[in-house]
Amino acid sequence: MAVHDHPHRHLGFRFPSPRRAGTATASADETTAAATETRAYVFAGLRLLTGFVFLWAFLDKTFGFGYVTQSGNGWVDGGSPTKGFLGGVAVGPMESTFHDWAGDAWADWLFMLGLLGIGLALIAGIGLRLAAVAGTVMMALMWIAEWPPAKHLSDGSASMSTNPFADYHLIYAIILIALAAAGAGATWGLGKAWARLPFVSRNRWLL
């Protein structure tokens, strides 16, 4: 058996070119940085839009702009932000409890301060963890008030529920939690400056 020597045949192994490797690494770093920046902008936009939802609800219920709350029925005009909604609850395990709460001053103040606080926190980009906790509690109570699992109301009529579990209250709660977890206040917000404050640095739950 003859063995032939082929001095010019490549064995299939080459050392990577430092120039090419450096270019590939730089390109990967740029792609990662671009993706991170895009994600930050997306979360910031979502934060601002969600904040406006809560803040607008507060303003409309306070001054009666004629959307959900008709002119002359605003909180400043003597109207109750909770009487209509809680008084109209017609299904669920807390139906009678919500009826008892409807129109009470403490319920009005707690609900309105919640809307205002959550809205301002989201728009400013500060206190997102507190906003997430308060907003999740608020959304949970409103979910129970509408009680999507029910097919029928207390009077036997159809509930018109579109989904037995996932509705917009659940989605808002998930958004609030995601914004807090992502630290979404740092972009287009005061999150970075807020985090540097001494009392916030000592109490991270205020972030």
Protein backbone atom coordinates (compact mmCIF):
# COMPACT_ATOMS: atom_id res chain seq x y z
CA MET A 1 0.00 0.00 0.00
CA ALA A 2 1.48 3.31 -1.03
CA VAL A 3 1.26 6.35 1.15
CA HIS A 4 1.13 9.62 -0.75
CA ASP A 5 2.21 12.85 0.84
CA HIS A 6 0.20 15.94 -0.10
CA PRO A 7 2.09 18.91 1.33
CA HIS A 8 -0.39 21.50 0.00
CA ARG A 9 -3.58 19.84 1.29
CA HIS A 10 -5.32 21.78 4.10
CA LEU A 11 -6.42 19.72 7.07
CA GLY A 12 -9.60 21.72 7.60
CA PHE A 13 -8.41 23.61 10.69
CA ARG A 14 -7.66 27.31 10.65
CA PHE A 15 -6.94 29.74 13.40
CA PRO A 16 -9.62 32.43 13.50
CA SER A 17 -8.57 35.76 12.19
CA PRO A 18 -8.31 38.27 15.06
CA ARG A 19 -9.70 40.89 12.76
CA ARG A 20 -12.76 38.84 11.83
CA ALA A 21 -13.32 37.68 15.41
CA GLY A 22 -13.14 41.25 16.67
CA THR A 23 -15.59 42.41 14.01
CA ALA A 24 -18.04 39.61 14.84
CA THR A 25 -17.84 40.40 18.57
CA ALA A 26 -18.37 44.10 17.96
CA SER A 27 -21.33 43.35 15.71
CA ALA A 28 -22.86 41.07 18.35
CA ASP A 29 -22.33 43.72 21.02
CA GLU A 30 -23.97 46.36 18.84
CA THR A 31 -26.94 44.07 18.17
CA THR A 32 -27.35 43.36 21.89
CA ALA A 33 -27.10 47.05 22.75
CA ALA A 34 -29.67 47.93 20.08
CA ALA A 35 -32.06 45.25 21.35
CA THR A 36 -31.65 46.47 24.94
CA GLU A 37 -32.30 50.06 23.92
CA THR A 38 -35.36 49.07 21.89
CA ARG A 39 -36.73 47.05 24.80
CA ALA A 40 -36.23 50.04 27.12
CA TYR A 41 -38.17 52.31 24.75
CA VAL A 42 -40.98 49.77 24.36
CA PHE A 43 -41.38 49.42 28.13
CA ALA A 44 -41.19 53.20 28.56
CA GLY A 45 -43.94 53.72 25.99
CA LEU A 46 -46.07 51.03 27.60
CA ARG A 47 -45.50 52.66 30.99
CA LEU A 48 -46.62 56.08 29.79
CA LEU A 49 -49.73 54.75 28.05
CA THR A 50 -50.74 52.68 31.07
CA GLY A 51 -50.11 55.65 33.35
CA PHE A 52 -52.38 57.80 31.20
CA VAL A 53 -55.14 55.18 31.48
CA PHE A 54 -55.11 55.47 35.27
CA LEU A 55 -54.60 59.23 35.35
CA TRP A 56 -57.36 59.87 32.82
CA ALA A 57 -59.77 57.71 34.84
CA PHE A 58 -58.99 59.88 37.87
CA LEU A 59 -59.46 63.15 35.98
CA ASP A 60 -62.68 62.08 34.27
CA LYS A 61 -64.23 60.83 37.50
CA THR A 62 -63.10 63.95 39.34
CA PHE A 63 -64.24 66.63 36.90
CA GLY A 64 -66.82 64.84 34.76
CA PHE A 65 -65.43 65.38 31.27
CA GLY A 66 -68.43 63.68 29.69
CA TYR A 67 -66.84 60.35 28.82
CA VAL A 68 -67.51 57.70 31.47
CA THR A 69 -68.53 60.40 33.96
CA GLN A 70 -71.07 62.87 32.64
CA SER A 71 -70.68 66.60 33.17
CA GLY A 72 -72.03 67.66 36.55
CA ASN A 73 -71.58 64.18 38.05
CA GLY A 74 -67.88 64.50 38.84
CA TRP A 75 -66.40 63.99 42.27
CA VAL A 76 -65.97 67.76 42.67
CA ASP A 77 -69.69 68.16 41.94
CA GLY A 78 -70.67 65.82 44.75
CA GLY A 79 -70.81 62.62 42.71
CA SER A 80 -69.44 59.32 43.99
CA PRO A 81 -66.75 57.56 41.95
CA THR A 82 -67.67 54.16 43.42
CA LYS A 83 -71.44 54.29 43.85
CA GLY A 84 -72.33 53.51 40.26
CA PHE A 85 -69.82 50.72 39.71
CA LEU A 86 -69.99 48.98 43.07
CA GLY A 87 -73.71 49.54 43.39
CA GLY A 88 -74.22 47.88 40.02
CA VAL A 89 -72.32 44.68 40.87
CA ALA A 90 -74.72 41.85 40.06
CA VAL A 91 -72.60 38.72 40.39
CA GLY A 92 -69.77 37.15 42.33
CA PRO A 93 -68.92 36.17 45.90
CA MET A 94 -68.56 39.80 47.09
CA GLU A 95 -71.74 41.20 45.56
CA SER A 96 -73.37 42.20 48.84
CA THR A 97 -70.07 43.50 50.24
CA PHE A 98 -69.53 45.76 47.25
CA HIS A 99 -73.09 47.06 47.60
CA ASP A 100 -72.32 48.00 51.21
CA TRP A 101 -69.14 49.80 50.15
CA ALA A 102 -70.72 51.67 47.25
CA GLY A 103 -70.68 55.44 47.80
CA ASP A 104 -68.87 55.33 51.16
CA ALA A 105 -66.46 58.23 51.58
CA TRP A 106 -63.55 55.95 52.52
CA ALA A 107 -64.11 53.85 49.39
CA ASP A 108 -64.28 56.95 47.17
CA TRP A 109 -61.09 58.41 48.61
CA LEU A 110 -59.16 55.14 48.52
CA PHE A 111 -60.20 54.43 44.94
CA MET A 112 -59.44 57.93 43.67
CA LEU A 113 -56.11 58.22 45.48
CA GLY A 114 -55.20 54.83 44.05
CA LEU A 115 -55.96 55.97 40.50
CA LEU A 116 -54.05 59.22 40.99
CA GLY A 117 -51.05 57.65 42.71
CA ILE A 118 -50.68 54.82 40.20
CA GLY A 119 -51.11 57.17 37.25
CA LEU A 120 -48.55 59.69 38.49
CA ALA A 121 -46.06 56.99 39.49
CA LEU A 122 -46.20 55.39 36.05
CA ILE A 123 -45.92 58.63 34.13
CA ALA A 124 -43.06 59.90 36.29
CA GLY A 125 -41.36 56.49 36.34
CA ILE A 126 -40.96 56.36 40.12
CA GLY A 127 -42.34 54.05 42.78
CA LEU A 128 -43.21 51.40 40.21
CA ARG A 129 -43.09 48.59 42.77
CA LEU A 130 -45.66 50.31 44.98
CA ALA A 131 -47.74 51.12 41.90
CA ALA A 132 -47.62 47.47 40.87
CA VAL A 133 -48.80 46.26 44.28
CA ALA A 134 -51.57 48.87 44.59
CA GLY A 135 -52.66 48.43 40.98
CA THR A 136 -52.75 44.64 41.25
CA VAL A 137 -54.94 44.83 44.36
CA MET A 138 -57.25 47.31 42.63
CA MET A 139 -57.48 45.19 39.48
CA ALA A 140 -58.14 42.05 41.55
CA LEU A 141 -61.05 43.71 43.34
CA MET A 142 -62.50 44.99 40.05
CA TRP A 143 -62.08 41.52 38.54
CA ILE A 144 -64.03 40.05 41.46
CA ALA A 145 -66.69 42.74 41.02
CA GLU A 146 -67.25 41.73 37.40
CA TRP A 147 -66.62 38.03 38.13
CA PRO A 148 -65.83 36.74 34.61
CA PRO A 149 -66.25 33.02 35.52
CA ALA A 150 -70.02 33.48 35.88
CA LYS A 151 -72.22 32.66 32.90
CA HIS A 152 -75.26 34.24 34.54
CA LEU A 153 -75.90 37.19 36.83
CA SER A 154 -77.74 36.95 40.13
CA ASP A 155 -81.06 37.60 38.39
CA GLY A 156 -80.49 34.73 35.95
CA SER A 157 -79.71 36.85 32.91
CA ALA A 158 -76.63 36.15 30.80
CA SER A 159 -73.46 37.74 32.13
CA MET A 160 -72.04 38.27 28.62
CA SER A 161 -68.61 37.37 29.95
CA THR A 162 -66.19 36.98 27.06
CA ASN A 163 -63.63 34.90 28.97
CA PRO A 164 -63.93 33.02 32.27
CA PHE A 165 -60.50 34.10 33.48
CA ALA A 166 -58.44 36.48 31.35
CA ASP A 167 -59.91 39.95 31.01
CA TYR A 168 -58.45 43.46 30.87
CA HIS A 169 -58.07 43.70 34.65
CA LEU A 170 -55.72 40.72 34.63
CA ILE A 171 -53.79 42.18 31.69
CA TYR A 172 -53.36 45.54 33.44
CA ALA A 173 -52.08 43.78 36.57
CA ILE A 174 -49.53 41.80 34.55
CA ILE A 175 -48.40 44.98 32.78
CA LEU A 176 -47.87 46.77 36.10
CA ILE A 177 -45.83 43.89 37.48
CA ALA A 178 -43.76 43.66 34.27
CA LEU A 179 -43.02 47.40 34.29
CA ALA A 180 -41.81 47.25 37.87
CA ALA A 181 -39.71 44.14 37.25
CA ALA A 182 -38.12 45.71 34.16
CA GLY A 183 -37.28 48.97 35.92
CA ALA A 184 -39.15 50.80 33.18
CA GLY A 185 -38.87 54.20 34.88
CA ALA A 186 -35.25 54.72 33.82
CA THR A 187 -36.15 55.61 30.21
CA TRP A 188 -38.31 58.68 29.57
CA GLY A 189 -38.82 58.95 33.30
CA LEU A 190 -37.27 59.96 36.61
CA GLY A 191 -36.41 56.42 37.64
CA LYS A 192 -32.63 56.86 37.70
CA ALA A 193 -32.73 60.10 39.70
CA TRP A 194 -35.33 58.58 42.05
CA ALA A 195 -33.16 55.49 42.67
CA ARG A 196 -30.19 57.69 43.68
CA LEU A 197 -32.09 59.42 46.48
CA PRO A 198 -30.73 58.32 49.88
CA PHE A 199 -34.05 57.22 51.38
CA VAL A 200 -34.88 55.24 48.24
CA SER A 201 -31.44 53.60 48.24
CA ARG A 202 -32.06 52.47 51.82
CA ASN A 203 -35.59 51.28 51.05
CA ARG A 204 -35.50 49.41 47.75
CA TRP A 205 -39.22 48.67 47.88
CA LEU A 206 -39.75 52.34 46.97
CA LEU A 207 -38.21 51.84 43.51
